[in-house]
Amino acid sequence: MAGSESERGSLLSDFRGAAEGAERALKRAFDADHPPLAVEEIGVVTAIGSGIALVSGLPGIGAEEMVQFSDGTLGMAFNLDPGELGVIMLGDAGNITSGDRVRRTGRVADIPVGEGLLGRVIDTTAKPLDGLHPVRAEERWPVEREAPPIVARSPVTEPLQTGLKAIDALIPIGRGQRELILGDRQTGKTTIALDTMINQAGKDVICVYCSIGQQGADVAKFVAQLTEHGALEYSVVMIASGDGPAGLRFLAPFAATTIAEYFMEKGRDVLVVYDDLTLHARSYRELSLLLERPPGREAYPGDIFYLHSRLLERSAHLRSEFGGGSLTALPIIETQGQNISAYIPTNLISITDGQIYLSPQLFQRNHLPAIDVGKSVSRVGGKTQLPAYRGVTGSLRLSYSQFEELETFARFGTRLDKRTRDTIERGRRVRKVLTQPEHQALAIPEQIAVLLAVTEGLFDDLDVERIPRAEIQIVEAIRTDLPGISQKIEDGEELAEDDKTAILDCVRDALDSFEKLEVE
């Protein structure tokens, strides 16, 4: 009896030991592979429309948070109404129907940024459109970011050269400035932006081009010209096509600015072009009306001004302790019937630091670029202009505006005195000098020489139609004969009287050579 009790005790002890060992093993296994517990909110699609969806549920969602539909398509929370959520679709909604599930992602709309984007053509979500490998991102940044505060900003002091005489001399642009380009359809707005991007070669400026709703053929031509001139290697092209979701067109300029800000905060100078914000405003109006937001003037929502101001305020020249980079913005908008007092143009004129207005009349007369000097202005760029320009173009803008008024007056057939006739003839030569073929940028010393020649009257005895050919001769002479003075001008030194005399002598010699060649 005692033996059996001792055996039972031994067996019980062994069983307890085995059970405790198994429990410890299970606990170790459970601790080693314990899936984290998380609460997930699931909503339901109640309606689906043209680029928007209405969703019930998701009570804890935040503004601009991304959601994912059952087929993997992404959307962005836009309207946070009680009991119903308005979502902007960021992809094809053809496979989504009422009753489909929607879940929160816990993140806001973001985009990959980094050096790997240079030379690439992408869409708003950074998917490649150039047939190359996927974008190699260093980080992901939200597309909506706060503008740099005042204490982080530095005055705009360095020029951004476009290579166009009419802009660099009369409407200069500074790095960190916001300069609006506006005009009617087909007046050369995109060409000015393209020439500016091409002219940044060798100037350590990163370019970001954002196409919003443009025709595919036009965008393909733009990319081909960038590639042809070697500008794509330091550029990023973002395309939000007109036949895609309106939500992608709405987010495109913000995503492009985020890419530009990455380089700016690394201490680089960046140029970003928005082509164009008229179509961007229309996309925002479309989404707002579909989501039944209250319409205002011209059916635009009441916060349309804030939409563009918060975008363009992100352009800045940062102080050295914040990186020292700059972001220059060239927004483009289209006017209707030369009406620059329409709703969107007046909004953007008040937001930006100046505007370049392109005239259909000048375009039809083949005065290209068709810049109306009288309606164009740069409010801060004059402080960035190189000293050599100020010594040459100080009175050029005023005298040119006076010429345009006198030319209009002279069309009435009034008899004019000799002084007025001379002013008109000089003005015609100034206008001819300010014309410039596309993709033929001029360096700063070459611009100075040509402008100095026309202001000093060296073209007065030359037929207007011969001026472009004479200009080529002058440019070649400056490149060859005055490398020292050219370097001083590019270094930002004042144009001394001796330098001015040397340039004029060089121009006279070039014109003499031109006359001999023309005779032969």
Protein backbone atom coordinates (compact mmCIF):
# COMPACT_ATOMS: atom_id res chain seq x y z
CA MET A 1 0.00 0.00 0.00
CA ALA A 2 2.81 2.33 0.89
CA GLY A 3 4.64 1.39 -2.30
CA SER A 4 1.65 2.20 -4.45
CA GLU A 5 1.17 5.59 -2.74
CA SER A 6 4.80 6.47 -3.29
CA GLU A 7 4.51 5.47 -6.94
CA ARG A 8 1.41 7.61 -7.35
CA GLY A 9 3.22 10.56 -5.76
CA SER A 10 6.19 10.13 -8.05
CA LEU A 11 3.97 9.95 -11.12
CA LEU A 12 2.03 13.03 -9.98
CA SER A 13 5.28 14.93 -9.45
CA ASP A 14 6.53 13.93 -12.89
CA PHE A 15 3.23 14.98 -14.46
CA ARG A 16 3.36 18.38 -12.76
CA GLY A 17 6.94 18.91 -13.90
CA ALA A 18 6.04 17.99 -17.49
CA ALA A 19 3.02 20.31 -17.41
CA GLU A 20 5.08 23.19 -16.06
CA GLY A 21 7.73 22.57 -18.72
CA ALA A 22 5.11 22.53 -21.48
CA GLU A 23 3.59 25.73 -20.10
CA ARG A 24 6.98 27.45 -20.11
CA ALA A 25 7.64 26.27 -23.67
CA LEU A 26 4.25 27.53 -24.83
CA LYS A 27 4.81 30.86 -23.09
CA ARG A 28 8.22 31.26 -24.75
CA ALA A 29 6.73 30.44 -28.15
CA PHE A 30 3.81 32.81 -27.56
CA ASP A 31 6.12 35.64 -26.49
CA ALA A 32 8.43 35.06 -29.46
CA ASP A 33 5.65 35.30 -32.06
CA HIS A 34 2.88 37.35 -30.56
CA PRO A 35 1.03 39.37 -33.20
CA PRO A 36 0.31 42.95 -32.10
CA LEU A 37 -3.30 43.76 -31.46
CA ALA A 38 -4.65 46.77 -33.33
CA VAL A 39 -8.03 48.36 -33.75
CA GLU A 40 -9.04 48.78 -37.37
CA GLU A 41 -11.92 50.99 -38.54
CA ILE A 42 -13.91 49.73 -41.50
CA GLY A 43 -16.35 51.88 -43.47
CA VAL A 44 -18.80 51.17 -46.27
CA VAL A 45 -19.21 52.92 -49.64
CA THR A 46 -22.69 54.45 -49.85
CA ALA A 47 -22.27 56.21 -53.22
CA ILE A 48 -19.66 56.42 -55.95
CA GLY A 49 -19.48 59.16 -58.60
CA SER A 50 -17.15 61.02 -60.94
CA GLY A 51 -13.94 61.07 -58.98
CA ILE A 52 -15.55 61.08 -55.52
CA ALA A 53 -17.05 58.52 -53.10
CA LEU A 54 -19.33 58.86 -50.10
CA VAL A 55 -18.49 56.58 -47.18
CA SER A 56 -20.29 55.81 -43.93
CA GLY A 57 -18.40 54.80 -40.80
CA LEU A 58 -14.75 55.62 -40.00
CA PRO A 59 -15.63 57.93 -37.08
CA GLY A 60 -12.01 58.51 -36.06
CA ILE A 61 -10.63 59.52 -39.45
CA GLY A 62 -8.70 62.80 -39.80
CA ALA A 63 -8.69 65.44 -42.52
CA GLU A 64 -6.66 64.51 -45.62
CA GLU A 65 -6.08 60.98 -44.30
CA MET A 66 -5.71 58.27 -46.92
CA VAL A 67 -8.26 55.45 -47.15
CA GLN A 68 -8.05 52.19 -49.09
CA PHE A 69 -10.94 50.55 -50.92
CA SER A 70 -11.44 46.81 -51.24
CA ASP A 71 -9.74 46.69 -54.68
CA GLY A 72 -6.65 48.53 -53.40
CA THR A 73 -7.55 51.95 -54.86
CA LEU A 74 -6.60 54.87 -52.63
CA GLY A 75 -8.64 57.92 -51.76
CA MET A 76 -8.25 60.98 -49.55
CA ALA A 77 -10.72 62.14 -46.89
CA PHE A 78 -11.95 65.56 -47.97
CA ASN A 79 -15.35 66.22 -46.38
CA LEU A 80 -15.76 65.19 -42.73
CA ASP A 81 -19.51 65.58 -42.38
CA PRO A 82 -21.44 64.02 -39.46
CA GLY A 83 -22.41 60.50 -40.44
CA GLU A 84 -20.86 60.69 -43.90
CA LEU A 85 -17.37 61.02 -45.32
CA GLY A 86 -16.56 62.64 -48.69
CA VAL A 87 -13.54 60.99 -50.33
CA ILE A 88 -11.51 62.17 -53.33
CA MET A 89 -10.55 59.21 -55.51
CA LEU A 90 -6.85 58.95 -56.38
CA GLY A 91 -7.22 56.15 -58.90
CA ASP A 92 -9.63 54.36 -61.21
CA ALA A 93 -12.94 53.78 -59.45
CA GLY A 94 -14.41 51.51 -62.13
CA ASN A 95 -14.37 48.40 -59.93
CA ILE A 96 -15.84 50.06 -56.82
CA THR A 97 -19.55 49.77 -56.07
CA SER A 98 -21.86 50.71 -53.22
CA GLY A 99 -21.45 48.39 -50.27
CA ASP A 100 -17.70 47.87 -50.75
CA ARG A 101 -15.57 48.13 -47.65
CA VAL A 102 -13.15 50.99 -46.96
CA ARG A 103 -10.45 51.01 -44.33
CA ARG A 104 -8.25 53.70 -42.83
CA THR A 105 -4.53 53.70 -43.61
CA GLY A 106 -3.45 55.96 -40.75
CA ARG A 107 -1.33 58.22 -42.97
CA VAL A 108 -1.83 61.38 -44.98
CA ALA A 109 -1.13 61.70 -48.71
CA ASP A 110 2.62 61.53 -49.25
CA ILE A 111 5.14 61.10 -52.05
CA PRO A 112 8.68 59.69 -52.32
CA VAL A 113 11.47 62.28 -52.48
CA GLY A 114 15.17 62.07 -53.17
CA GLU A 115 17.93 62.31 -55.75
CA GLY A 116 16.49 59.29 -57.56
CA LEU A 117 13.72 61.49 -58.97
CA LEU A 118 16.10 63.58 -61.10
CA GLY A 119 15.72 62.87 -64.80
CA ARG A 120 12.41 61.04 -64.30
CA VAL A 121 8.90 61.53 -65.66
CA ILE A 122 6.31 60.52 -63.06
CA ASP A 123 2.63 60.88 -62.18
CA THR A 124 1.19 62.43 -59.02
CA THR A 125 1.83 59.25 -57.02
CA ALA A 126 5.44 59.00 -58.31
CA LYS A 127 4.72 56.05 -60.58
CA PRO A 128 7.12 56.17 -63.57
CA LEU A 129 5.71 57.30 -66.92
CA ASP A 130 9.02 57.05 -68.79
CA GLY A 131 9.14 53.25 -69.02
CA LEU A 132 12.10 53.01 -66.64
CA HIS A 133 12.54 51.30 -63.26
CA PRO A 134 10.44 52.33 -60.25
CA VAL A 135 11.55 55.48 -58.45
CA ARG A 136 14.17 54.90 -55.77
CA ALA A 137 13.01 57.01 -52.84
CA GLU A 138 15.12 58.11 -49.89
CA GLU A 139 12.14 59.26 -47.82
CA ARG A 140 8.41 59.85 -48.08
CA TRP A 141 7.14 63.35 -47.32
CA PRO A 142 3.53 64.55 -47.03
CA VAL A 143 2.28 66.50 -50.03
CA GLU A 144 0.72 69.15 -47.77
CA ARG A 145 3.42 70.85 -45.70
CA GLU A 146 3.53 74.13 -43.81
CA ALA A 147 5.25 77.06 -45.51
CA PRO A 148 8.59 78.16 -44.00
CA PRO A 149 8.00 80.68 -41.18
CA ILE A 150 9.18 84.28 -41.44
CA VAL A 151 12.16 83.68 -39.13
CA ALA A 152 13.45 80.98 -41.52
CA ARG A 153 13.32 83.22 -44.59
CA SER A 154 16.07 85.37 -46.02
CA PRO A 155 15.68 88.31 -48.47
CA VAL A 156 15.70 87.46 -52.18
CA THR A 157 19.14 88.63 -53.31
CA GLU A 158 20.34 86.33 -56.11
CA PRO A 159 18.98 86.48 -59.68
CA LEU A 160 17.49 83.55 -61.56
CA GLN A 161 18.62 84.10 -65.15
CA THR A 162 16.14 83.09 -67.84
CA GLY A 163 18.41 83.85 -70.81
CA LEU A 164 15.65 86.08 -72.23
CA LYS A 165 16.62 89.74 -72.65
CA ALA A 166 13.10 91.06 -72.11
CA ILE A 167 12.85 89.36 -68.70
CA ASP A 168 16.42 89.55 -67.36
CA ALA A 169 16.69 93.24 -68.25
CA LEU A 170 13.20 94.61 -67.58
CA ILE A 171 11.37 92.06 -65.37
CA PRO A 172 14.16 90.29 -63.44
CA ILE A 173 13.36 87.24 -61.33
CA GLY A 174 15.12 86.41 -58.05
CA ARG A 175 15.75 82.99 -56.52
CA GLY A 176 12.96 82.46 -54.01
CA GLN A 177 10.49 84.70 -55.86
CA ARG A 178 7.01 83.83 -57.18
CA GLU A 179 6.57 85.27 -60.68
CA LEU A 180 3.25 84.69 -62.43
CA ILE A 181 3.13 84.04 -66.19
CA LEU A 182 -0.27 84.81 -67.67
CA GLY A 183 -1.83 85.37 -71.06
CA ASP A 184 -4.41 84.05 -73.48
CA ARG A 185 -4.22 80.60 -75.00
CA GLN A 186 -1.31 79.94 -77.38
CA THR A 187 0.75 83.04 -76.57
CA GLY A 188 3.97 81.30 -75.52
CA LYS A 189 3.58 80.90 -71.74
CA THR A 190 4.98 77.37 -71.57
CA THR A 191 7.81 78.31 -73.94
CA ILE A 192 9.07 80.94 -71.48
CA ALA A 193 9.08 78.33 -68.70
CA LEU A 194 10.86 75.83 -70.96
CA ASP A 195 13.55 78.33 -71.98
CA THR A 196 14.08 79.23 -68.32
CA MET A 197 14.55 75.57 -67.40
CA ILE A 198 16.97 75.01 -70.29
CA ASN A 199 18.98 78.08 -69.26
CA GLN A 200 19.66 76.60 -65.80
CA ALA A 201 22.25 74.20 -67.27
CA GLY A 202 25.50 74.59 -65.34
CA LYS A 203 23.93 76.94 -62.78
CA ASP A 204 23.27 74.27 -60.09
CA VAL A 205 19.50 74.81 -60.16
CA ILE A 206 17.10 71.84 -59.89
CA CYS A 207 13.95 72.19 -62.01
CA VAL A 208 10.53 70.65 -61.30
CA TYR A 209 7.85 70.89 -63.99
CA CYS A 210 4.26 70.09 -62.99
CA SER A 211 1.82 69.57 -65.87
CA ILE A 212 -1.83 69.84 -64.78
CA GLY A 213 -4.45 68.71 -67.26
CA GLN A 214 -2.36 69.43 -70.38
CA GLN A 215 -2.78 67.48 -73.60
CA GLY A 216 -0.56 64.43 -73.86
CA ALA A 217 1.01 65.51 -77.17
CA ASP A 218 2.03 68.88 -75.73
CA VAL A 219 3.59 67.28 -72.65
CA ALA A 220 5.45 64.73 -74.78
CA LYS A 221 6.86 67.56 -76.92
CA PHE A 222 7.92 69.43 -73.79
CA VAL A 223 9.76 66.39 -72.40
CA ALA A 224 11.41 65.78 -75.79
CA GLN A 225 12.73 69.35 -75.88
CA LEU A 226 14.05 69.05 -72.33
CA THR A 227 15.85 65.87 -73.32
CA GLU A 228 17.19 67.37 -76.55
CA HIS A 229 18.78 70.30 -74.71
CA GLY A 230 20.14 68.15 -71.87
CA ALA A 231 17.85 69.74 -69.26
CA LEU A 232 16.01 66.57 -68.18
CA GLU A 233 19.03 65.31 -66.22
CA TYR A 234 18.58 68.06 -63.60
CA SER A 235 14.77 68.14 -63.82
CA VAL A 236 11.74 66.25 -62.52
CA VAL A 237 8.60 66.15 -64.68
CA MET A 238 5.27 65.40 -62.96
CA ILE A 239 2.22 64.81 -65.16
CA ALA A 240 -1.41 64.86 -64.04
CA SER A 241 -3.25 64.16 -67.29
CA GLY A 242 -6.58 65.72 -68.15
CA ASP A 243 -8.27 62.34 -68.61
CA GLY A 244 -7.22 61.06 -65.17
CA PRO A 245 -8.99 61.53 -61.83
CA ALA A 246 -9.58 65.13 -60.79
CA GLY A 247 -8.11 64.26 -57.38
CA LEU A 248 -4.69 63.61 -58.91
CA ARG A 249 -4.81 66.97 -60.73
CA PHE A 250 -5.75 68.62 -57.43
CA LEU A 251 -2.81 67.07 -55.56
CA ALA A 252 -0.21 67.42 -58.36
CA PRO A 253 1.16 70.93 -57.60
CA PHE A 254 1.39 70.16 -53.88
CA ALA A 255 3.26 66.92 -54.59
CA ALA A 256 5.61 68.71 -57.00
CA THR A 257 6.32 71.37 -54.37
CA THR A 258 7.15 68.68 -51.80
CA ILE A 259 9.72 67.22 -54.21
CA ALA A 260 11.18 70.70 -54.70
CA GLU A 261 11.26 71.35 -50.94
CA TYR A 262 13.39 68.26 -50.39
CA PHE A 263 16.16 69.77 -52.52
CA MET A 264 15.62 73.26 -51.05
CA GLU A 265 16.12 71.97 -47.51
CA LYS A 266 19.34 70.31 -48.69
CA GLY A 267 20.66 73.79 -49.55
CA ARG A 268 19.94 73.62 -53.29
CA ASP A 269 18.28 76.23 -55.51
CA VAL A 270 15.08 74.91 -57.10
CA LEU A 271 12.74 76.19 -59.83
CA VAL A 272 9.19 74.79 -59.93
CA VAL A 273 6.77 75.47 -62.79
CA TYR A 274 2.99 74.94 -62.40
CA ASP A 275 1.39 74.55 -65.85
CA ASP A 276 -1.25 75.64 -65.28
CA LEU A 277 -3.13 76.73 -62.17
CA THR A 278 -6.26 77.64 -64.13
CA LEU A 279 -6.92 73.96 -64.77
CA HIS A 280 -5.94 73.21 -61.18
CA ALA A 281 -8.61 75.63 -59.93
CA ARG A 282 -11.19 74.02 -62.22
CA SER A 283 -10.34 70.57 -60.87
CA TYR A 284 -10.82 71.84 -57.32
CA ARG A 285 -14.13 73.43 -58.30
CA GLU A 286 -15.27 70.14 -59.87
CA LEU A 287 -14.48 68.17 -56.72
CA SER A 288 -16.07 70.78 -54.45
CA LEU A 289 -19.31 70.87 -56.43
CA LEU A 290 -19.54 67.07 -56.55
CA LEU A 291 -19.14 67.00 -52.76
CA GLU A 292 -21.79 69.74 -52.44
CA ARG A 293 -19.55 72.38 -50.91
CA PRO A 294 -21.14 75.86 -51.08
CA PRO A 295 -20.19 77.60 -54.35
CA GLY A 296 -19.09 81.23 -54.50
CA ARG A 297 -18.04 83.55 -57.30
CA GLU A 298 -17.96 81.78 -60.70
CA ALA A 299 -19.01 78.60 -58.81
CA TYR A 300 -15.57 78.31 -57.19
CA PRO A 301 -15.61 77.33 -53.49
CA GLY A 302 -14.94 80.06 -50.97
CA ASP A 303 -11.45 78.78 -50.09
CA ILE A 304 -10.05 78.90 -53.65
CA PHE A 305 -7.80 81.83 -52.68
CA TYR A 306 -6.44 79.89 -49.70
CA LEU A 307 -5.83 76.88 -51.98
CA HIS A 308 -3.29 78.77 -54.11
CA SER A 309 -1.89 80.98 -51.36
CA ARG A 310 -0.88 78.03 -49.19
CA LEU A 311 0.74 76.46 -52.25
CA LEU A 312 2.74 79.51 -53.36
CA GLU A 313 3.72 80.56 -49.83
CA ARG A 314 5.95 77.49 -49.76
CA SER A 315 8.31 79.29 -52.16
CA ALA A 316 11.10 80.98 -50.21
CA HIS A 317 14.80 81.74 -49.86
CA LEU A 318 15.90 80.11 -46.61
CA ARG A 319 18.45 81.51 -44.19
CA SER A 320 21.78 79.70 -43.98
CA GLU A 321 20.98 78.11 -40.60
CA PHE A 322 17.89 76.52 -42.20
CA GLY A 323 19.79 75.16 -45.18
CA GLY A 324 20.19 78.28 -47.33
CA GLY A 325 18.31 76.83 -50.31
CA SER A 326 15.66 78.56 -52.37
CA LEU A 327 12.44 77.61 -54.14
CA THR A 328 11.40 79.84 -57.06
CA ALA A 329 7.87 79.42 -58.42
CA LEU A 330 6.68 80.18 -61.95
CA PRO A 331 2.91 79.59 -61.86
CA ILE A 332 1.18 79.79 -65.24
CA ILE A 333 -2.47 80.74 -65.77
CA GLU A 334 -4.60 81.25 -68.86
CA THR A 335 -6.74 84.34 -69.37
CA GLN A 336 -9.85 84.61 -71.50
CA GLY A 337 -10.05 87.52 -73.95
CA GLN A 338 -7.10 89.32 -72.25
CA ASN A 339 -9.20 89.70 -69.09
CA ILE A 340 -6.58 89.88 -66.34
CA SER A 341 -9.21 91.13 -63.88
CA ALA A 342 -11.07 87.80 -63.82
CA TYR A 343 -11.42 85.90 -60.54
CA ILE A 344 -8.48 83.46 -60.70
CA PRO A 345 -6.00 85.90 -62.37
CA THR A 346 -6.64 88.61 -59.78
CA ASN A 347 -6.25 86.08 -56.97
CA LEU A 348 -2.87 84.92 -58.25
CA ILE A 349 -1.65 88.43 -59.11
CA SER A 350 -2.28 89.42 -55.49
CA ILE A 351 -0.50 86.32 -54.15
CA THR A 352 2.63 86.44 -56.34
CA ASP A 353 5.56 88.90 -56.38
CA GLY A 354 4.98 90.07 -59.93
CA GLN A 355 3.64 88.94 -63.28
CA ILE A 356 4.79 88.50 -66.87
CA TYR A 357 1.88 89.27 -69.20
CA LEU A 358 1.91 87.92 -72.76
CA SER A 359 -0.02 89.93 -75.34
CA PRO A 360 -1.91 88.21 -78.21
CA GLN A 361 -1.34 91.29 -80.40
CA LEU A 362 2.44 91.08 -79.99
CA PHE A 363 2.29 87.35 -80.63
CA GLN A 364 0.36 87.87 -83.86
CA ARG A 365 2.97 90.42 -85.00
CA ASN A 366 5.67 87.80 -84.33
CA HIS A 367 7.27 89.85 -81.53
CA LEU A 368 8.40 86.86 -79.50
CA PRO A 369 8.44 86.43 -76.58
CA ALA A 370 5.20 88.42 -76.66
CA ILE A 371 5.80 90.17 -73.32
CA ASP A 372 3.78 93.32 -72.69
CA VAL A 373 6.33 95.36 -70.74
CA GLY A 374 3.74 97.90 -69.60
CA LYS A 375 1.55 95.28 -67.86
CA SER A 376 4.43 93.18 -66.52
CA VAL A 377 6.24 93.82 -63.25
CA SER A 378 8.66 92.18 -60.84
CA ARG A 379 8.19 93.48 -57.31
CA VAL A 380 11.34 92.05 -55.72
CA GLY A 381 13.49 90.91 -58.65
CA GLY A 382 14.96 94.39 -59.20
CA LYS A 383 16.91 94.02 -55.97
CA THR A 384 18.55 90.86 -57.30
CA GLN A 385 19.54 92.24 -60.70
CA LEU A 386 23.27 92.40 -61.42
CA PRO A 387 24.76 95.92 -61.24
CA ALA A 388 25.74 95.82 -64.92
CA TYR A 389 22.06 95.65 -65.89
CA ARG A 390 21.16 98.69 -63.83
CA GLY A 391 23.78 100.77 -65.61
CA VAL A 392 22.35 99.84 -69.00
CA THR A 393 18.61 99.34 -68.56
CA GLY A 394 17.84 102.01 -65.96
CA SER A 395 15.76 104.15 -68.33
CA LEU A 396 15.00 101.46 -70.91
CA ARG A 397 11.66 100.40 -69.43
CA LEU A 398 10.35 103.99 -69.17
CA SER A 399 11.49 104.98 -72.66
CA TYR A 400 10.02 101.81 -74.13
CA SER A 401 6.64 102.46 -72.47
CA GLN A 402 6.70 106.03 -73.82
CA PHE A 403 7.45 104.67 -77.30
CA GLU A 404 4.42 102.37 -77.18
CA GLU A 405 2.16 105.31 -76.31
CA LEU A 406 3.64 107.46 -79.07
CA GLU A 407 3.32 104.62 -81.59
CA THR A 408 -0.38 104.29 -80.80
CA PHE A 409 -0.81 108.05 -81.15
CA ALA A 410 1.05 108.10 -84.47
CA ARG A 411 -1.41 105.67 -86.03
CA PHE A 412 -3.97 108.47 -86.24
CA GLY A 413 -1.88 110.08 -88.99
CA THR A 414 -0.90 113.13 -86.96
CA ARG A 415 2.15 115.05 -88.18
CA LEU A 416 5.02 114.43 -85.78
CA ASP A 417 8.05 116.51 -84.99
CA LYS A 418 11.57 115.15 -85.50
CA ARG A 419 12.15 114.38 -81.84
CA THR A 420 8.99 112.26 -81.66
CA ARG A 421 9.89 110.49 -84.91
CA ASP A 422 13.36 109.71 -83.54
CA THR A 423 11.83 108.35 -80.32
CA ILE A 424 9.53 106.07 -82.30
CA GLU A 425 12.37 104.83 -84.51
CA ARG A 426 14.53 104.10 -81.46
CA GLY A 427 11.63 102.32 -79.80
CA ARG A 428 11.12 100.07 -82.82
CA ARG A 429 14.74 99.04 -82.60
CA VAL A 430 14.44 98.37 -78.87
CA ARG A 431 11.42 96.15 -79.51
CA LYS A 432 13.30 94.28 -82.21
CA VAL A 433 16.24 93.75 -79.86
CA LEU A 434 13.91 92.40 -77.17
CA THR A 435 12.58 89.75 -79.56
CA GLN A 436 14.37 86.43 -79.27
CA PRO A 437 13.92 83.02 -80.94
CA GLU A 438 12.91 80.16 -78.66
CA HIS A 439 15.62 77.99 -77.10
CA GLN A 440 18.33 80.54 -77.95
CA ALA A 441 19.30 81.90 -74.56
CA LEU A 442 21.92 84.61 -74.24
CA ALA A 443 24.54 84.86 -71.51
CA ILE A 444 24.54 87.96 -69.31
CA PRO A 445 27.50 89.78 -71.01
CA GLU A 446 25.95 89.18 -74.42
CA GLN A 447 22.64 90.66 -73.28
CA ILE A 448 24.44 93.66 -71.79
CA ALA A 449 26.33 94.33 -75.04
CA VAL A 450 23.22 94.18 -77.24
CA LEU A 451 21.14 96.34 -74.87
CA LEU A 452 23.96 98.85 -74.52
CA ALA A 453 24.21 99.08 -78.30
CA VAL A 454 20.53 99.92 -78.74
CA THR A 455 20.38 102.40 -75.83
CA GLU A 456 23.48 104.22 -77.13
CA GLY A 457 21.95 104.52 -80.61
CA LEU A 458 24.36 102.24 -82.46
CA PHE A 459 21.42 100.59 -84.22
CA ASP A 460 19.75 103.87 -85.23
CA ASP A 461 21.24 103.84 -88.75
CA LEU A 462 20.57 100.14 -89.23
CA ASP A 463 17.41 98.86 -90.87
CA VAL A 464 15.15 97.21 -88.29
CA GLU A 465 14.93 93.91 -90.16
CA ARG A 466 18.74 93.60 -90.24
CA ILE A 467 19.13 93.91 -86.47
CA PRO A 468 18.82 90.15 -85.66
CA ARG A 469 21.68 89.33 -88.06
CA ALA A 470 23.80 92.17 -86.66
CA GLU A 471 23.07 90.92 -83.14
CA ILE A 472 24.60 87.53 -83.97
CA GLN A 473 27.81 89.29 -85.06
CA ILE A 474 27.91 91.29 -81.81
CA VAL A 475 27.38 88.21 -79.64
CA GLU A 476 30.24 86.36 -81.35
CA ALA A 477 32.53 89.39 -80.93
CA ILE A 478 31.79 89.71 -77.20
CA ARG A 479 32.47 86.00 -76.64
CA THR A 480 35.79 86.19 -78.48
CA ASP A 481 37.23 89.63 -77.70
CA LEU A 482 36.10 90.52 -74.15
CA PRO A 483 36.39 87.45 -71.90
CA GLY A 484 37.77 89.53 -69.00
CA ILE A 485 34.93 92.05 -68.97
CA SER A 486 32.42 89.23 -69.44
CA GLN A 487 33.74 87.52 -66.32
CA LYS A 488 33.53 90.75 -64.31
CA ILE A 489 29.90 91.21 -65.33
CA GLU A 490 29.00 87.64 -64.35
CA ASP A 491 30.79 88.07 -61.02
CA GLY A 492 28.44 90.94 -60.17
CA GLU A 493 30.88 93.85 -60.48
CA GLU A 494 29.83 97.35 -61.48
CA LEU A 495 30.20 98.26 -65.15
CA ALA A 496 32.98 100.86 -65.09
CA GLU A 497 33.21 103.59 -67.74
CA ASP A 498 36.31 101.94 -69.24
CA ASP A 499 34.44 98.64 -69.52
CA LYS A 500 31.45 100.37 -71.07
CA THR A 501 33.71 102.09 -73.61
CA ALA A 502 35.44 98.81 -74.44
CA ILE A 503 32.08 97.10 -75.04
CA LEU A 504 30.88 99.92 -77.30
CA ASP A 505 34.14 99.81 -79.28
CA CYS A 506 33.74 96.07 -79.69
CA VAL A 507 30.15 96.53 -80.85
CA ARG A 508 31.16 99.18 -83.39
CA ASP A 509 33.86 96.91 -84.80
CA ALA A 510 31.34 94.07 -85.01
CA LEU A 511 28.85 96.30 -86.84
CA ASP A 512 31.56 97.42 -89.29
CA SER A 513 32.39 93.78 -89.99
CA PHE A 514 28.69 93.04 -90.40
CA GLU A 515 28.28 95.85 -92.94
CA LYS A 516 31.23 94.54 -94.97
CA LEU A 517 29.83 91.02 -94.95
CA GLU A 518 26.41 92.28 -96.02
CA VAL A 519 27.95 94.18 -98.94
CA GLU A 520 29.93 91.15 -100.06
